[in-house]
Amino acid sequence: MVYLRHFLVFTHKMVFLRHFLVFTHKMVYLRHFLVFTHKMVYLRHFLVFTHKMVFSRHFLVFTYKMVYLRYFLVFTHRIVVMFHPSGGSVSSVLEKSRQYLSSPR
């Protein structure tokens, strides 16, 4: 009977040990899952950041092109005014632009 009791106590302890091992194993998987989701959050932040950088680059390229477009338009406007029959010296172009800027709108 003593041996039977020892055997029952031992098996009972083994059952609890098994429960403990299953629990710790699940905790390890839970930790892996949490680490994974944490990395996914950082990955999402990184992707949002790079997406914003791409759009800021597009915006910078756009403004850069607009500046050059303005230079091109000013240049072509001066060329057109120079060859216009009403007069075409650079000083007359400047005078006309001053008059345009000073006129009330």
PDB file of N, CA and C in Angstrom:
ATOM      1  N   MET A   1       0.811  -1.207   0.000  1.00  0.00           N
ATOM      2  CA  MET A   1       0.000   0.000   0.000  1.00  0.00           C
ATOM      3  C   MET A   1       0.852   1.269   0.000  1.00  0.00           C
ATOM      4  N   VAL A   2       1.966   1.199   0.676  1.00  0.00           N
ATOM      5  CA  VAL A   2       2.859   2.354   0.729  1.00  0.00           C
ATOM      6  C   VAL A   2       3.380   2.658  -0.666  1.00  0.00           C
ATOM      7  N   TYR A   3       3.734   1.598  -1.392  1.00  0.00           N
ATOM      8  CA  TYR A   3       4.241   1.797  -2.751  1.00  0.00           C
ATOM      9  C   TYR A   3       3.165   2.365  -3.683  1.00  0.00           C
ATOM     10  N   LEU A   4       1.958   1.872  -3.471  1.00  0.00           N
ATOM     11  CA  LEU A   4       0.854   2.391  -4.278  1.00  0.00           C
ATOM     12  C   LEU A   4       0.649   3.891  -4.003  1.00  0.00           C
ATOM     13  N   ARG A   5       0.743   4.250  -2.728  1.00  0.00           N
ATOM     14  CA  ARG A   5       0.578   5.655  -2.373  1.00  0.00           C
ATOM     15  C   ARG A   5       1.702   6.502  -2.977  1.00  0.00           C
ATOM     16  N   HIS A   6       2.927   6.020  -2.918  1.00  0.00           N
ATOM     17  CA  HIS A   6       4.057   6.726  -3.509  1.00  0.00           C
ATOM     18  C   HIS A   6       3.873   6.871  -5.016  1.00  0.00           C
ATOM     19  N   PHE A   7       3.397   5.799  -5.631  1.00  0.00           N
ATOM     20  CA  PHE A   7       3.168   5.831  -7.066  1.00  0.00           C
ATOM     21  C   PHE A   7       2.090   6.861  -7.428  1.00  0.00           C
ATOM     22  N   LEU A   8       1.016   6.911  -6.655  1.00  0.00           N
ATOM     23  CA  LEU A   8      -0.056   7.871  -6.915  1.00  0.00           C
ATOM     24  C   LEU A   8       0.413   9.313  -6.706  1.00  0.00           C
ATOM     25  N   VAL A   9       1.196   9.513  -5.659  1.00  0.00           N
ATOM     26  CA  VAL A   9       1.734  10.860  -5.413  1.00  0.00           C
ATOM     27  C   VAL A   9       2.664  11.261  -6.566  1.00  0.00           C
ATOM     28  N   PHE A  10       3.482  10.317  -6.985  1.00  0.00           N
ATOM     29  CA  PHE A  10       4.410  10.578  -8.085  1.00  0.00           C
ATOM     30  C   PHE A  10       3.656  10.907  -9.374  1.00  0.00           C
ATOM     31  N   THR A  11       2.673  10.115  -9.717  1.00  0.00           N
ATOM     32  CA  THR A  11       1.912  10.381 -10.945  1.00  0.00           C
ATOM     33  C   THR A  11       1.157  11.708 -10.843  1.00  0.00           C
ATOM     34  N   HIS A  12       0.652  12.018  -9.665  1.00  0.00           N
ATOM     35  CA  HIS A  12      -0.020  13.292  -9.466  1.00  0.00           C
ATOM     36  C   HIS A  12       0.951  14.454  -9.716  1.00  0.00           C
ATOM     37  N   LYS A  13       2.161  14.313  -9.192  1.00  0.00           N
ATOM     38  CA  LYS A  13       3.176  15.346  -9.415  1.00  0.00           C
ATOM     39  C   LYS A  13       3.536  15.436 -10.898  1.00  0.00           C
ATOM     40  N   MET A  14       3.580  14.310 -11.570  1.00  0.00           N
ATOM     41  CA  MET A  14       3.900  14.303 -12.998  1.00  0.00           C
ATOM     42  C   MET A  14       2.807  15.010 -13.816  1.00  0.00           C
ATOM     43  N   VAL A  15       1.552  14.798 -13.387  1.00  0.00           N
ATOM     44  CA  VAL A  15       0.451  15.484 -14.068  1.00  0.00           C
ATOM     45  C   VAL A  15       0.599  16.998 -13.900  1.00  0.00           C
ATOM     46  N   PHE A  16       0.904  17.432 -12.689  1.00  0.00           N
ATOM     47  CA  PHE A  16       1.107  18.858 -12.468  1.00  0.00           C
ATOM     48  C   PHE A  16       2.334  19.376 -13.217  1.00  0.00           C
ATOM     49  N   LEU A  17       3.377  18.562 -13.262  1.00  0.00           N
ATOM     50  CA  LEU A  17       4.572  18.947 -14.016  1.00  0.00           C
ATOM     51  C   LEU A  17       4.225  19.092 -15.503  1.00  0.00           C
ATOM     52  N   ARG A  18       3.436  18.174 -16.021  1.00  0.00           N
ATOM     53  CA  ARG A  18       3.023  18.247 -17.423  1.00  0.00           C
ATOM     54  C   ARG A  18       2.203  19.518 -17.672  1.00  0.00           C
ATOM     55  N   HIS A  19       1.265  19.826 -16.773  1.00  0.00           N
ATOM     56  CA  HIS A  19       0.491  21.058 -16.907  1.00  0.00           C
ATOM     57  C   HIS A  19       1.397  22.278 -16.903  1.00  0.00           C
ATOM     58  N   PHE A  20       2.357  22.256 -15.999  1.00  0.00           N
ATOM     59  CA  PHE A  20       3.300  23.381 -15.921  1.00  0.00           C
ATOM     60  C   PHE A  20       4.095  23.515 -17.213  1.00  0.00           C
ATOM     61  N   LEU A  21       4.563  22.380 -17.755  1.00  0.00           N
ATOM     62  CA  LEU A  21       5.342  22.422 -18.985  1.00  0.00           C
ATOM     63  C   LEU A  21       4.496  22.900 -20.172  1.00  0.00           C
ATOM     64  N   VAL A  22       3.274  22.429 -20.253  1.00  0.00           N
ATOM     65  CA  VAL A  22       2.372  22.891 -21.312  1.00  0.00           C
ATOM     66  C   VAL A  22       2.142  24.394 -21.168  1.00  0.00           C
ATOM     67  N   PHE A  23       1.914  24.843 -19.935  1.00  0.00           N
ATOM     68  CA  PHE A  23       1.704  26.272 -19.695  1.00  0.00           C
ATOM     69  C   PHE A  23       2.932  27.089 -20.114  1.00  0.00           C
ATOM     70  N   THR A  24       4.124  26.681 -19.696  1.00  0.00           N
ATOM     71  CA  THR A  24       5.331  27.442 -20.052  1.00  0.00           C
ATOM     72  C   THR A  24       5.575  27.417 -21.564  1.00  0.00           C
ATOM     73  N   HIS A  25       5.258  26.284 -22.174  1.00  0.00           N
ATOM     74  CA  HIS A  25       5.395  26.188 -23.622  1.00  0.00           C
ATOM     75  C   HIS A  25       4.457  27.199 -24.306  1.00  0.00           C
ATOM     76  N   LYS A  26       3.241  27.283 -23.808  1.00  0.00           N
ATOM     77  CA  LYS A  26       2.301  28.265 -24.364  1.00  0.00           C
ATOM     78  C   LYS A  26       2.797  29.692 -24.133  1.00  0.00           C
ATOM     79  N   MET A  27       3.409  29.916 -22.978  1.00  0.00           N
ATOM     80  CA  MET A  27       3.942  31.255 -22.700  1.00  0.00           C
ATOM     81  C   MET A  27       5.080  31.602 -23.665  1.00  0.00           C
ATOM     82  N   VAL A  28       5.884  30.615 -24.010  1.00  0.00           N
ATOM     83  CA  VAL A  28       6.957  30.854 -24.977  1.00  0.00           C
ATOM     84  C   VAL A  28       6.351  31.240 -26.326  1.00  0.00           C
ATOM     85  N   TYR A  29       5.314  30.495 -26.745  1.00  0.00           N
ATOM     86  CA  TYR A  29       4.662  30.847 -28.002  1.00  0.00           C
ATOM     87  C   TYR A  29       3.993  32.219 -27.917  1.00  0.00           C
ATOM     88  N   LEU A  30       3.426  32.534 -26.776  1.00  0.00           N
ATOM     89  CA  LEU A  30       2.824  33.852 -26.600  1.00  0.00           C
ATOM     90  C   LEU A  30       3.893  34.940 -26.708  1.00  0.00           C
ATOM     91  N   ARG A  31       5.050  34.683 -26.096  1.00  0.00           N
ATOM     92  CA  ARG A  31       6.136  35.661 -26.187  1.00  0.00           C
ATOM     93  C   ARG A  31       6.576  35.830 -27.638  1.00  0.00           C
ATOM     94  N   HIS A  32       6.721  34.727 -28.364  1.00  0.00           N
ATOM     95  CA  HIS A  32       7.092  34.826 -29.776  1.00  0.00           C
ATOM     96  C   HIS A  32       6.056  35.625 -30.558  1.00  0.00           C
ATOM     97  N   PHE A  33       4.802  35.374 -30.263  1.00  0.00           N
ATOM     98  CA  PHE A  33       3.738  36.103 -30.953  1.00  0.00           C
ATOM     99  C   PHE A  33       3.815  37.601 -30.634  1.00  0.00           C
ATOM    100  N   LEU A  34       4.056  37.923 -29.365  1.00  0.00           N
ATOM    101  CA  LEU A  34       4.139  39.341 -28.981  1.00  0.00           C
ATOM    102  C   LEU A  34       5.342  40.020 -29.626  1.00  0.00           C
ATOM    103  N   VAL A  35       6.471  39.311 -29.667  1.00  0.00           N
ATOM    104  CA  VAL A  35       7.653  39.872 -30.321  1.00  0.00           C
ATOM    105  C   VAL A  35       7.367  40.097 -31.805  1.00  0.00           C
ATOM    106  N   PHE A  36       6.711  39.116 -32.422  1.00  0.00           N
ATOM    107  CA  PHE A  36       6.363  39.231 -33.843  1.00  0.00           C
ATOM    108  C   PHE A  36       5.447  40.428 -34.084  1.00  0.00           C
ATOM    109  N   THR A  37       4.386  40.566 -33.297  1.00  0.00           N
ATOM    110  CA  THR A  37       3.457  41.683 -33.499  1.00  0.00           C
ATOM    111  C   THR A  37       4.150  43.024 -33.232  1.00  0.00           C
ATOM    112  N   HIS A  38       5.050  43.044 -32.257  1.00  0.00           N
ATOM    113  CA  HIS A  38       5.816  44.251 -31.985  1.00  0.00           C
ATOM    114  C   HIS A  38       6.654  44.624 -33.207  1.00  0.00           C
ATOM    115  N   LYS A  39       7.295  43.626 -33.797  1.00  0.00           N
ATOM    116  CA  LYS A  39       8.086  43.886 -35.003  1.00  0.00           C
ATOM    117  C   LYS A  39       7.186  44.358 -36.143  1.00  0.00           C
ATOM    118  N   MET A  40       6.001  43.807 -36.236  1.00  0.00           N
ATOM    119  CA  MET A  40       5.081  44.234 -37.290  1.00  0.00           C
ATOM    120  C   MET A  40       4.661  45.695 -37.096  1.00  0.00           C
ATOM    121  N   VAL A  41       4.491  46.093 -35.850  1.00  0.00           N
ATOM    122  CA  VAL A  41       4.153  47.494 -35.566  1.00  0.00           C
ATOM    123  C   VAL A  41       5.295  48.402 -36.018  1.00  0.00           C
ATOM    124  N   TYR A  42       6.536  48.010 -35.701  1.00  0.00           N
ATOM    125  CA  TYR A  42       7.677  48.810 -36.139  1.00  0.00           C
ATOM    126  C   TYR A  42       7.798  48.803 -37.656  1.00  0.00           C
ATOM    127  N   LEU A  43       7.523  47.653 -38.261  1.00  0.00           N
ATOM    128  CA  LEU A  43       7.550  47.586 -39.718  1.00  0.00           C
ATOM    129  C   LEU A  43       6.507  48.532 -40.321  1.00  0.00           C
ATOM    130  N   ARG A  44       5.316  48.561 -39.721  1.00  0.00           N
ATOM    131  CA  ARG A  44       4.278  49.464 -40.212  1.00  0.00           C
ATOM    132  C   ARG A  44       4.724  50.924 -40.070  1.00  0.00           C
ATOM    133  N   HIS A  45       5.311  51.275 -38.913  1.00  0.00           N
ATOM    134  CA  HIS A  45       5.811  52.640 -38.734  1.00  0.00           C
ATOM    135  C   HIS A  45       6.859  52.971 -39.794  1.00  0.00           C
ATOM    136  N   PHE A  46       7.740  52.014 -40.054  1.00  0.00           N
ATOM    137  CA  PHE A  46       8.784  52.240 -41.048  1.00  0.00           C
ATOM    138  C   PHE A  46       8.177  52.436 -42.436  1.00  0.00           C
ATOM    139  N   LEU A  47       7.178  51.631 -42.770  1.00  0.00           N
ATOM    140  CA  LEU A  47       6.540  51.748 -44.081  1.00  0.00           C
ATOM    141  C   LEU A  47       5.797  53.077 -44.219  1.00  0.00           C
ATOM    142  N   VAL A  48       5.115  53.494 -43.153  1.00  0.00           N
ATOM    143  CA  VAL A  48       4.430  54.792 -43.184  1.00  0.00           C
ATOM    144  C   VAL A  48       5.454  55.907 -43.365  1.00  0.00           C
ATOM    145  N   PHE A  49       6.569  55.814 -42.640  1.00  0.00           N
ATOM    146  CA  PHE A  49       7.629  56.820 -42.743  1.00  0.00           C
ATOM    147  C   PHE A  49       8.182  56.881 -44.167  1.00  0.00           C
ATOM    148  N   THR A  50       8.513  55.719 -44.750  1.00  0.00           N
ATOM    149  CA  THR A  50       9.078  55.719 -46.099  1.00  0.00           C
ATOM    150  C   THR A  50       8.044  56.218 -47.112  1.00  0.00           C
ATOM    151  N   HIS A  51       6.778  55.888 -46.882  1.00  0.00           N
ATOM    152  CA  HIS A  51       5.720  56.374 -47.771  1.00  0.00           C
ATOM    153  C   HIS A  51       5.658  57.907 -47.730  1.00  0.00           C
ATOM    154  N   LYS A  52       5.749  58.457 -46.521  1.00  0.00           N
ATOM    155  CA  LYS A  52       5.739  59.915 -46.388  1.00  0.00           C
ATOM    156  C   LYS A  52       6.969  60.529 -47.053  1.00  0.00           C
ATOM    157  N   MET A  53       8.105  59.843 -46.941  1.00  0.00           N
ATOM    158  CA  MET A  53       9.318  60.354 -47.570  1.00  0.00           C
ATOM    159  C   MET A  53       9.184  60.357 -49.090  1.00  0.00           C
ATOM    160  N   VAL A  54       8.560  59.330 -49.631  1.00  0.00           N
ATOM    161  CA  VAL A  54       8.344  59.277 -51.078  1.00  0.00           C
ATOM    162  C   VAL A  54       7.466  60.443 -51.503  1.00  0.00           C
ATOM    163  N   PHE A  55       6.385  60.699 -50.737  1.00  0.00           N
ATOM    164  CA  PHE A  55       5.515  61.812 -51.103  1.00  0.00           C
ATOM    165  C   PHE A  55       6.205  63.152 -50.916  1.00  0.00           C
ATOM    166  N   SER A  56       7.040  63.279 -49.900  1.00  0.00           N
ATOM    167  CA  SER A  56       7.753  64.547 -49.732  1.00  0.00           C
ATOM    168  C   SER A  56       8.746  64.736 -50.874  1.00  0.00           C
ATOM    169  N   ARG A  57       9.352  63.622 -51.349  1.00  0.00           N
ATOM    170  CA  ARG A  57      10.252  63.721 -52.492  1.00  0.00           C
ATOM    171  C   ARG A  57       9.465  64.149 -53.728  1.00  0.00           C
ATOM    172  N   HIS A  58       8.280  63.560 -53.932  1.00  0.00           N
ATOM    173  CA  HIS A  58       7.451  63.970 -55.067  1.00  0.00           C
ATOM    174  C   HIS A  58       7.104  65.454 -54.975  1.00  0.00           C
ATOM    175  N   PHE A  59       6.787  65.901 -53.767  1.00  0.00           N
ATOM    176  CA  PHE A  59       6.455  67.321 -53.573  1.00  0.00           C
ATOM    177  C   PHE A  59       7.659  68.207 -53.891  1.00  0.00           C
ATOM    178  N   LEU A  60       8.846  67.785 -53.449  1.00  0.00           N
ATOM    179  CA  LEU A  60      10.046  68.581 -53.721  1.00  0.00           C
ATOM    180  C   LEU A  60      10.352  68.620 -55.219  1.00  0.00           C
ATOM    181  N   VAL A  61      10.201  67.482 -55.872  1.00  0.00           N
ATOM    182  CA  VAL A  61      10.424  67.460 -57.320  1.00  0.00           C
ATOM    183  C   VAL A  61       9.405  68.361 -58.021  1.00  0.00           C
ATOM    184  N   PHE A  62       8.163  68.310 -57.563  1.00  0.00           N
ATOM    185  CA  PHE A  62       7.122  69.156 -58.151  1.00  0.00           C
ATOM    186  C   PHE A  62       7.465  70.635 -57.991  1.00  0.00           C
ATOM    187  N   THR A  63       7.837  71.065 -56.792  1.00  0.00           N
ATOM    188  CA  THR A  63       8.158  72.477 -56.580  1.00  0.00           C
ATOM    189  C   THR A  63       9.394  72.881 -57.379  1.00  0.00           C
ATOM    190  N   TYR A  64      10.364  71.975 -57.465  1.00  0.00           N
ATOM    191  CA  TYR A  64      11.558  72.236 -58.262  1.00  0.00           C
ATOM    192  C   TYR A  64      11.172  72.462 -59.717  1.00  0.00           C
ATOM    193  N   LYS A  65      10.277  71.627 -60.240  1.00  0.00           N
ATOM    194  CA  LYS A  65       9.821  71.780 -61.621  1.00  0.00           C
ATOM    195  C   LYS A  65       9.043  73.077 -61.797  1.00  0.00           C
ATOM    196  N   MET A  66       8.261  73.449 -60.785  1.00  0.00           N
ATOM    197  CA  MET A  66       7.499  74.698 -60.881  1.00  0.00           C
ATOM    198  C   MET A  66       8.431  75.902 -60.940  1.00  0.00           C
ATOM    199  N   VAL A  67       9.521  75.868 -60.192  1.00  0.00           N
ATOM    200  CA  VAL A  67      10.488  76.972 -60.223  1.00  0.00           C
ATOM    201  C   VAL A  67      11.089  77.084 -61.618  1.00  0.00           C
ATOM    202  N   TYR A  68      11.484  75.936 -62.186  1.00  0.00           N
ATOM    203  CA  TYR A  68      12.050  75.978 -63.532  1.00  0.00           C
ATOM    204  C   TYR A  68      11.019  76.370 -64.567  1.00  0.00           C
ATOM    205  N   LEU A  69       9.776  75.959 -64.363  1.00  0.00           N
ATOM    206  CA  LEU A  69       8.703  76.385 -65.271  1.00  0.00           C
ATOM    207  C   LEU A  69       8.541  77.902 -65.225  1.00  0.00           C
ATOM    208  N   ARG A  70       8.629  78.470 -64.031  1.00  0.00           N
ATOM    209  CA  ARG A  70       8.528  79.926 -63.897  1.00  0.00           C
ATOM    210  C   ARG A  70       9.668  80.612 -64.645  1.00  0.00           C
ATOM    211  N   TYR A  71      10.914  80.100 -64.466  1.00  0.00           N
ATOM    212  CA  TYR A  71      12.042  80.676 -65.193  1.00  0.00           C
ATOM    213  C   TYR A  71      11.825  80.587 -66.706  1.00  0.00           C
ATOM    214  N   PHE A  72      11.332  79.442 -67.149  1.00  0.00           N
ATOM    215  CA  PHE A  72      11.092  79.245 -68.576  1.00  0.00           C
ATOM    216  C   PHE A  72      10.034  80.218 -69.087  1.00  0.00           C
ATOM    217  N   LEU A  73       8.958  80.393 -68.324  1.00  0.00           N
ATOM    218  CA  LEU A  73       7.899  81.301 -68.747  1.00  0.00           C
ATOM    219  C   LEU A  73       8.374  82.751 -68.785  1.00  0.00           C
ATOM    220  N   VAL A  74       9.161  83.150 -67.781  1.00  0.00           N
ATOM    221  CA  VAL A  74       9.697  84.515 -67.775  1.00  0.00           C
ATOM    222  C   VAL A  74      10.609  84.717 -68.985  1.00  0.00           C
ATOM    223  N   PHE A  75      11.450  83.720 -69.247  1.00  0.00           N
ATOM    224  CA  PHE A  75      12.380  83.803 -70.372  1.00  0.00           C
ATOM    225  C   PHE A  75      11.618  83.909 -71.693  1.00  0.00           C
ATOM    226  N   THR A  76      10.652  83.027 -71.909  1.00  0.00           N
ATOM    227  CA  THR A  76       9.905  83.065 -73.174  1.00  0.00           C
ATOM    228  C   THR A  76       9.090  84.346 -73.298  1.00  0.00           C
ATOM    229  N   HIS A  77       8.556  84.827 -72.166  1.00  0.00           N
ATOM    230  CA  HIS A  77       7.802  86.076 -72.202  1.00  0.00           C
ATOM    231  C   HIS A  77       8.700  87.225 -72.640  1.00  0.00           C
ATOM    232  N   ARG A  78       9.913  87.280 -72.130  1.00  0.00           N
ATOM    233  CA  ARG A  78      10.843  88.348 -72.516  1.00  0.00           C
ATOM    234  C   ARG A  78      11.223  88.236 -73.985  1.00  0.00           C
ATOM    235  N   ILE A  79      11.407  87.015 -74.462  1.00  0.00           N
ATOM    236  CA  ILE A  79      11.733  86.823 -75.880  1.00  0.00           C
ATOM    237  C   ILE A  79      10.574  87.311 -76.754  1.00  0.00           C
ATOM    238  N   VAL A  80       9.340  86.941 -76.381  1.00  0.00           N
ATOM    239  CA  VAL A  80       8.168  87.358 -77.160  1.00  0.00           C
ATOM    240  C   VAL A  80       8.040  88.872 -77.167  1.00  0.00           C
ATOM    241  N   VAL A  81       8.237  89.506 -76.017  1.00  0.00           N
ATOM    242  CA  VAL A  81       8.112  90.964 -75.938  1.00  0.00           C
ATOM    243  C   VAL A  81       9.204  91.633 -76.763  1.00  0.00           C
ATOM    244  N   MET A  82      10.416  91.058 -76.761  1.00  0.00           N
ATOM    245  CA  MET A  82      11.512  91.663 -77.528  1.00  0.00           C
ATOM    246  C   MET A  82      11.209  91.676 -79.016  1.00  0.00           C
ATOM    247  N   PHE A  83      10.590  90.616 -79.504  1.00  0.00           N
ATOM    248  CA  PHE A  83      10.303  90.539 -80.942  1.00  0.00           C
ATOM    249  C   PHE A  83       8.928  91.091 -81.300  1.00  0.00           C
ATOM    250  N   HIS A  84       8.234  91.628 -80.330  1.00  0.00           N
ATOM    251  CA  HIS A  84       6.916  92.196 -80.605  1.00  0.00           C
ATOM    252  C   HIS A  84       7.090  93.523 -81.337  1.00  0.00           C
ATOM    253  N   PRO A  85       6.198  93.835 -82.263  1.00  0.00           N
ATOM    254  CA  PRO A  85       6.370  95.067 -83.064  1.00  0.00           C
ATOM    255  C   PRO A  85       6.318  96.352 -82.245  1.00  0.00           C
ATOM    256  N   SER A  86       5.704  96.328 -81.071  1.00  0.00           N
ATOM    257  CA  SER A  86       5.551  97.578 -80.324  1.00  0.00           C
ATOM    258  C   SER A  86       6.843  98.027 -79.667  1.00  0.00           C
ATOM    259  N   GLY A  87       7.863  97.277 -79.713  1.00  0.00           N
ATOM    260  CA  GLY A  87       9.131  97.676 -79.099  1.00  0.00           C
ATOM    261  C   GLY A  87       9.739  96.506 -78.383  1.00  0.00           C
ATOM    262  N   GLY A  88      11.056  96.427 -78.414  1.00  0.00           N
ATOM    263  CA  GLY A  88      11.612  95.206 -77.870  1.00  0.00           C
ATOM    264  C   GLY A  88      12.906  95.327 -77.119  1.00  0.00           C
ATOM    265  N   SER A  89      13.288  96.520 -76.681  1.00  0.00           N
ATOM    266  CA  SER A  89      14.521  96.580 -75.908  1.00  0.00           C
ATOM    267  C   SER A  89      14.266  96.030 -74.508  1.00  0.00           C
ATOM    268  N   VAL A  90      15.355  95.609 -73.892  1.00  0.00           N
ATOM    269  CA  VAL A  90      15.245  95.038 -72.550  1.00  0.00           C
ATOM    270  C   VAL A  90      14.717  96.086 -71.576  1.00  0.00           C
ATOM    271  N   SER A  91      15.120  97.327 -71.762  1.00  0.00           N
ATOM    272  CA  SER A  91      14.648  98.380 -70.854  1.00  0.00           C
ATOM    273  C   SER A  91      13.139  98.588 -70.997  1.00  0.00           C
ATOM    274  N   SER A  92      12.628  98.473 -72.242  1.00  0.00           N
ATOM    275  CA  SER A  92      11.175  98.617 -72.396  1.00  0.00           C
ATOM    276  C   SER A  92      10.438  97.440 -71.764  1.00  0.00           C
ATOM    277  N   VAL A  93      11.030  96.259 -71.828  1.00  0.00           N
ATOM    278  CA  VAL A  93      10.429  95.093 -71.171  1.00  0.00           C
ATOM    279  C   VAL A  93      10.374  95.320 -69.669  1.00  0.00           C
ATOM    280  N   LEU A  94      11.479  95.815 -69.106  1.00  0.00           N
ATOM    281  CA  LEU A  94      11.517  96.084 -67.672  1.00  0.00           C
ATOM    282  C   LEU A  94      10.517  97.168 -67.298  1.00  0.00           C
ATOM    283  N   GLU A  95      10.432  98.187 -68.134  1.00  0.00           N
ATOM    284  CA  GLU A  95       9.490  99.278 -67.863  1.00  0.00           C
ATOM    285  C   GLU A  95       8.054  98.774 -67.903  1.00  0.00           C
ATOM    286  N   LYS A  96       7.739  97.946 -68.881  1.00  0.00           N
ATOM    287  CA  LYS A  96       6.389  97.390 -68.970  1.00  0.00           C
ATOM    288  C   LYS A  96       6.075  96.495 -67.769  1.00  0.00           C
ATOM    289  N   SER A  97       7.078  95.723 -67.329  1.00  0.00           N
ATOM    290  CA  SER A  97       6.831  94.856 -66.163  1.00  0.00           C
ATOM    291  C   SER A  97       6.643  95.685 -64.897  1.00  0.00           C
ATOM    292  N   ARG A  98       7.390  96.803 -64.769  1.00  0.00           N
ATOM    293  CA  ARG A  98       7.201  97.695 -63.613  1.00  0.00           C
ATOM    294  C   ARG A  98       5.811  98.327 -63.631  1.00  0.00           C
ATOM    295  N   GLN A  99       5.383  98.758 -64.825  1.00  0.00           N
ATOM    296  CA  GLN A  99       4.041  99.336 -64.937  1.00  0.00           C
ATOM    297  C   GLN A  99       2.979  98.303 -64.575  1.00  0.00           C
ATOM    298  N   TYR A 100       3.177  97.064 -65.020  1.00  0.00           N
ATOM    299  CA  TYR A 100       2.200  96.012 -64.724  1.00  0.00           C
ATOM    300  C   TYR A 100       2.141  95.746 -63.227  1.00  0.00           C
ATOM    301  N   LEU A 101       3.322  95.696 -62.596  1.00  0.00           N
ATOM    302  CA  LEU A 101       3.357  95.406 -61.161  1.00  0.00           C
ATOM    303  C   LEU A 101       2.780  96.552 -60.331  1.00  0.00           C
ATOM    304  N   SER A 102       2.981  97.802 -60.805  1.00  0.00           N
ATOM    305  CA  SER A 102       2.503  98.942 -60.023  1.00  0.00           C
ATOM    306  C   SER A 102       1.036  99.260 -60.292  1.00  0.00           C
ATOM    307  N   SER A 103       0.464  98.700 -61.351  1.00  0.00           N
ATOM    308  CA  SER A 103      -0.936  99.019 -61.659  1.00  0.00           C
ATOM    309  C   SER A 103      -1.879  98.331 -60.662  1.00  0.00           C
ATOM    310  N   PRO A 104      -2.962  99.058 -60.263  1.00  0.00           N
ATOM    311  CA  PRO A 104      -3.910  98.455 -59.325  1.00  0.00           C
ATOM    312  C   PRO A 104      -4.706  97.338 -60.008  1.00  0.00           C
ATOM    313  N   ARG A 105      -5.023  96.328 -59.230  1.00  0.00           N
ATOM    314  CA  ARG A 105      -5.754  95.181 -59.791  1.00  0.00           C
ATOM    315  C   ARG A 105      -7.140  95.133 -59.243  1.00  0.00           C
TER     316      ARG A 105
END
